[in-house]
Amino acid sequence: MRSATHSGSRAAQRTSDDALLARVQHGDEPAVRALITRYNQQLFRVARGILRNDSEAEDVVQEAYLHAFTRLDDFRHESAFSTWLTHIVLNQASNRLRKNRRRKAQLSQLAEETRTPSGATLVVFPTSPRPATPEAQAVRHEIQKILETAVDNLRTPLRMVFILRDIEGMSTNETAELLSIRPETVKTRLYRARQWMRSTLERSFAPCFQDMHPFEDKQCLDMADRVIITLAQRLNNAKN
Protein backbone atom coordinates (compact mmCIF):
# COMPACT_ATOMS: atom_id res chain seq x y z
CA MET A 1 0.00 0.00 0.00
CA ARG A 2 1.08 3.58 -0.58
CA SER A 3 2.26 5.44 2.51
CA ALA A 4 -0.32 7.62 4.26
CA THR A 5 -0.12 11.35 4.80
CA HIS A 6 -2.05 13.42 7.31
CA SER A 7 -3.60 15.52 4.55
CA GLY A 8 -4.63 12.39 2.67
CA SER A 9 -6.30 10.95 5.77
CA ARG A 10 -8.21 14.17 6.45
CA ALA A 11 -9.47 14.28 2.87
CA ALA A 12 -10.48 10.63 3.02
CA GLN A 13 -12.58 11.25 6.14
CA ARG A 14 -14.87 13.48 4.08
CA THR A 15 -15.29 10.86 1.36
CA SER A 16 -18.19 8.42 1.03
CA ASP A 17 -17.73 4.77 1.94
CA ASP A 18 -18.14 3.66 -1.68
CA ALA A 19 -15.45 6.04 -2.88
CA LEU A 20 -13.11 4.92 -0.11
CA LEU A 21 -13.73 1.26 -0.90
CA ALA A 22 -12.86 1.85 -4.54
CA ARG A 23 -9.57 3.36 -3.41
CA VAL A 24 -8.94 0.51 -0.96
CA GLN A 25 -9.19 -1.96 -3.84
CA HIS A 26 -6.35 -0.05 -5.50
CA GLY A 27 -4.18 -0.28 -2.38
CA ASP A 28 -4.79 3.20 -0.99
CA GLU A 29 -3.66 3.22 2.66
CA PRO A 30 -5.29 6.55 3.69
CA ALA A 31 -8.64 5.13 2.55
CA VAL A 32 -8.16 2.06 4.75
CA ARG A 33 -7.25 4.25 7.71
CA ALA A 34 -10.25 6.50 7.10
CA LEU A 35 -12.71 3.59 7.15
CA ILE A 36 -11.13 2.11 10.27
CA THR A 37 -11.26 5.46 12.06
CA ARG A 38 -14.84 5.99 10.95
CA TYR A 39 -16.18 2.71 12.37
CA ASN A 40 -13.81 1.75 15.20
CA GLN A 41 -16.03 3.02 18.01
CA GLN A 42 -19.23 1.45 16.73
CA LEU A 43 -17.66 -1.94 16.03
CA PHE A 44 -15.82 -2.01 19.35
CA ARG A 45 -19.02 -1.38 21.28
CA VAL A 46 -20.85 -4.11 19.39
CA ALA A 47 -18.06 -6.63 20.00
CA ARG A 48 -17.74 -5.69 23.64
CA GLY A 49 -21.48 -5.88 24.10
CA ILE A 50 -21.19 -9.59 23.37
CA LEU A 51 -17.82 -10.42 24.93
CA ARG A 52 -17.73 -7.91 27.83
CA ASN A 53 -13.95 -7.82 27.61
CA ASP A 54 -11.91 -4.98 26.11
CA SER A 55 -8.96 -6.95 24.76
CA GLU A 56 -11.11 -9.66 23.20
CA ALA A 57 -13.37 -7.04 21.64
CA GLU A 58 -10.33 -5.33 20.11
CA ASP A 59 -9.13 -8.65 18.72
CA VAL A 60 -12.51 -9.31 17.14
CA VAL A 61 -12.68 -5.86 15.55
CA GLN A 62 -9.19 -6.28 14.13
CA GLU A 63 -10.08 -9.70 12.73
CA ALA A 64 -13.26 -8.26 11.24
CA TYR A 65 -11.32 -5.52 9.44
CA LEU A 66 -8.85 -8.06 8.08
CA HIS A 67 -11.71 -10.28 6.94
CA ALA A 68 -13.53 -7.38 5.29
CA PHE A 69 -10.57 -5.77 3.54
CA THR A 70 -9.30 -9.09 2.16
CA ARG A 71 -12.76 -10.12 0.94
CA LEU A 72 -14.22 -6.93 -0.44
CA ASP A 73 -15.55 -8.89 -3.41
CA ASP A 74 -18.05 -10.48 -0.98
CA PHE A 75 -19.59 -7.06 -0.26
CA ARG A 76 -22.63 -6.88 -2.55
CA HIS A 77 -23.62 -3.26 -1.79
CA GLU A 78 -27.11 -4.49 -0.86
CA SER A 79 -26.71 -2.72 2.48
CA ALA A 80 -24.39 -0.08 3.89
CA PHE A 81 -20.73 -0.99 4.31
CA SER A 82 -21.08 -0.30 8.04
CA THR A 83 -23.94 -2.82 8.23
CA TRP A 84 -21.83 -5.45 6.48
CA LEU A 85 -18.92 -4.75 8.84
CA THR A 86 -21.19 -4.97 11.87
CA HIS A 87 -22.53 -8.33 10.68
CA ILE A 88 -18.97 -9.63 10.52
CA VAL A 89 -18.22 -8.37 14.03
CA LEU A 90 -21.43 -9.88 15.41
CA ASN A 91 -20.64 -13.27 13.88
CA GLN A 92 -17.01 -13.32 14.98
CA ALA A 93 -17.78 -12.10 18.50
CA SER A 94 -20.54 -14.69 18.87
CA ASN A 95 -18.22 -17.45 17.64
CA ARG A 96 -15.52 -16.38 20.08
CA LEU A 97 -18.02 -16.29 22.94
CA ARG A 98 -19.10 -19.85 22.16
CA LYS A 99 -15.47 -20.98 22.03
CA ASN A 100 -14.75 -19.25 25.34
CA ARG A 101 -17.70 -20.98 26.98
CA ARG A 102 -16.62 -24.38 25.68
CA ARG A 103 -13.06 -23.77 26.88
CA LYS A 104 -14.25 -22.73 30.34
CA ALA A 105 -16.48 -25.78 30.56
CA GLN A 106 -13.56 -28.05 29.68
CA LEU A 107 -11.27 -26.37 32.19
CA SER A 108 -13.85 -26.58 34.94
CA GLN A 109 -14.03 -30.32 34.43
CA LEU A 110 -10.26 -30.61 34.90
CA ALA A 111 -9.94 -28.50 38.01
CA GLU A 112 -12.09 -25.95 39.82
CA GLU A 113 -9.17 -23.63 40.43
CA THR A 114 -8.42 -23.24 36.75
CA ARG A 115 -11.52 -21.18 36.16
CA THR A 116 -10.66 -17.65 35.13
CA PRO A 117 -12.85 -14.99 36.74
CA SER A 118 -14.07 -12.33 34.36
CA GLY A 119 -12.90 -8.88 35.40
CA ALA A 120 -14.86 -5.67 35.01
CA THR A 121 -13.62 -3.58 32.11
CA LEU A 122 -14.40 -0.19 30.60
CA VAL A 123 -16.36 0.88 27.56
CA VAL A 124 -15.26 4.07 25.94
CA PHE A 125 -18.39 6.21 26.02
CA PRO A 126 -18.58 9.49 24.22
CA THR A 127 -17.46 12.12 26.69
CA SER A 128 -17.56 15.85 27.06
CA PRO A 129 -14.29 17.83 27.11
CA ARG A 130 -11.92 16.83 29.89
CA PRO A 131 -12.92 18.29 33.27
CA ALA A 132 -10.88 21.19 34.52
CA THR A 133 -10.23 19.67 37.94
CA PRO A 134 -9.07 16.22 39.13
CA GLU A 135 -12.11 16.07 41.42
CA ALA A 136 -14.52 16.54 38.51
CA GLN A 137 -12.67 13.95 36.47
CA ALA A 138 -12.83 11.46 39.35
CA VAL A 139 -16.58 11.97 39.66
CA ARG A 140 -17.06 11.45 35.93
CA HIS A 141 -14.97 8.28 36.10
CA GLU A 142 -17.13 6.89 38.90
CA ILE A 143 -20.31 7.67 36.98
CA GLN A 144 -18.86 6.00 33.89
CA LYS A 145 -18.08 2.85 35.89
CA ILE A 146 -21.64 2.72 37.20
CA LEU A 147 -23.02 3.07 33.67
CA GLU A 148 -20.67 0.43 32.25
CA THR A 149 -21.54 -2.03 35.00
CA ALA A 150 -25.25 -1.47 34.41
CA VAL A 151 -24.89 -2.09 30.66
CA ASP A 152 -22.74 -5.18 31.26
CA ASN A 153 -25.38 -6.63 33.59
CA LEU A 154 -28.15 -6.41 31.01
CA ARG A 155 -29.12 -9.77 29.54
CA THR A 156 -27.36 -10.20 26.18
CA PRO A 157 -30.47 -9.81 23.94
CA LEU A 158 -31.40 -6.60 25.75
CA ARG A 159 -27.81 -5.37 25.90
CA MET A 160 -27.25 -5.68 22.15
CA VAL A 161 -30.44 -3.79 21.31
CA PHE A 162 -29.62 -1.10 23.88
CA ILE A 163 -26.09 -0.62 22.50
CA LEU A 164 -27.19 -0.45 18.87
CA ARG A 165 -30.23 1.77 19.45
CA ASP A 166 -29.38 4.06 22.36
CA ILE A 167 -25.59 4.20 22.20
CA GLU A 168 -24.92 3.86 18.47
CA GLY A 169 -28.12 5.62 17.45
CA MET A 170 -29.19 3.05 14.86
CA SER A 171 -32.79 2.91 13.70
CA THR A 172 -35.21 0.18 14.70
CA ASN A 173 -35.06 -1.37 11.23
CA GLU A 174 -31.24 -1.27 11.10
CA THR A 175 -31.04 -2.96 14.49
CA ALA A 176 -33.58 -5.58 13.47
CA GLU A 177 -31.62 -6.35 10.32
CA LEU A 178 -28.31 -6.66 12.15
CA LEU A 179 -29.69 -8.92 14.88
CA SER A 180 -31.99 -10.88 12.54
CA ILE A 181 -35.08 -10.13 14.61
CA ARG A 182 -38.36 -8.34 13.92
CA PRO A 183 -38.65 -4.56 14.44
CA GLU A 184 -41.38 -5.22 17.02
CA THR A 185 -38.92 -7.37 18.97
CA VAL A 186 -36.38 -4.54 18.87
CA LYS A 187 -38.93 -2.15 20.36
CA THR A 188 -39.91 -4.59 23.10
CA ARG A 189 -36.32 -5.36 24.07
CA LEU A 190 -35.36 -1.68 24.02
CA TYR A 191 -38.28 -0.84 26.31
CA ARG A 192 -37.27 -3.58 28.75
CA ALA A 193 -33.61 -2.56 28.61
CA ARG A 194 -34.45 1.07 29.34
CA GLN A 195 -36.72 0.09 32.22
CA TRP A 196 -34.01 -2.12 33.70
CA MET A 197 -31.35 0.57 33.26
CA ARG A 198 -33.57 3.20 34.88
CA SER A 199 -34.28 0.98 37.87
CA THR A 200 -30.63 -0.01 38.26
CA LEU A 201 -29.31 3.54 38.01
CA GLU A 202 -31.90 4.82 40.46
CA ARG A 203 -30.69 2.28 43.02
CA SER A 204 -27.05 3.12 42.30
CA PHE A 205 -27.45 6.87 42.58
CA ALA A 206 -30.03 7.01 45.38
CA PRO A 207 -27.41 7.22 48.18
CA CYS A 208 -25.80 10.16 46.38
CA PHE A 209 -28.96 12.26 46.44
CA GLN A 210 -28.73 12.77 50.20
CA ASP A 211 -25.34 14.44 49.76
CA MET A 212 -26.36 16.76 46.93
CA HIS A 213 -26.06 20.51 47.53
CA PRO A 214 -24.84 20.14 51.12
CA PHE A 215 -25.67 22.92 53.54
CA GLU A 216 -22.66 22.94 55.85
CA ASP A 217 -22.83 23.54 59.62
CA LYS A 218 -21.35 27.02 59.35
CA GLN A 219 -23.81 27.94 56.62
CA CYS A 220 -26.64 26.69 58.81
CA LEU A 221 -25.47 28.71 61.82
CA ASP A 222 -24.94 31.84 59.73
CA MET A 223 -28.41 31.50 58.27
CA ALA A 224 -29.92 31.17 61.75
CA ASP A 225 -28.00 34.24 62.93
CA ARG A 226 -29.20 36.31 59.98
CA VAL A 227 -32.82 35.27 60.47
CA ILE A 228 -32.72 36.02 64.21
CA ILE A 229 -31.12 39.42 63.66
CA THR A 230 -33.65 40.33 60.98
CA LEU A 231 -36.57 39.21 63.14
CA ALA A 232 -35.27 41.26 66.07
CA GLN A 233 -34.92 44.34 63.88
CA ARG A 234 -38.45 43.98 62.55
CA LEU A 235 -39.82 43.46 66.06
CA ASN A 236 -38.10 46.62 67.27
CA ASN A 237 -39.39 48.57 64.30
CA ALA A 238 -42.92 47.36 65.01
CA LYS A 239 -42.71 48.53 68.64
CA ASN A 240 -41.50 51.95 67.58
Foldseek 3Di string as FASTA:
>chain_A
DDDDDPVLLVVLLPDDLVVLLVVLVVVDPSSLVNVCVVCVQVQLLLLCLLVVDNVVSVVLLVVLSVVCSVPVVPDPVPDGPSLVSNLSSNVSSVVVVVVVVVVQVVVCVVDVVVHDDDDHDARDADDDPQDPDPVVNVVVVVVRSLLSVLLSPDDSVLSNLCCVCVRVPDDLVSSCVSVVHDSVVSVVSPVVSVVSSVVSVCVVCVVVVVVPPDQDPVNVVVVVVVVVVVVVVVVVVVVD
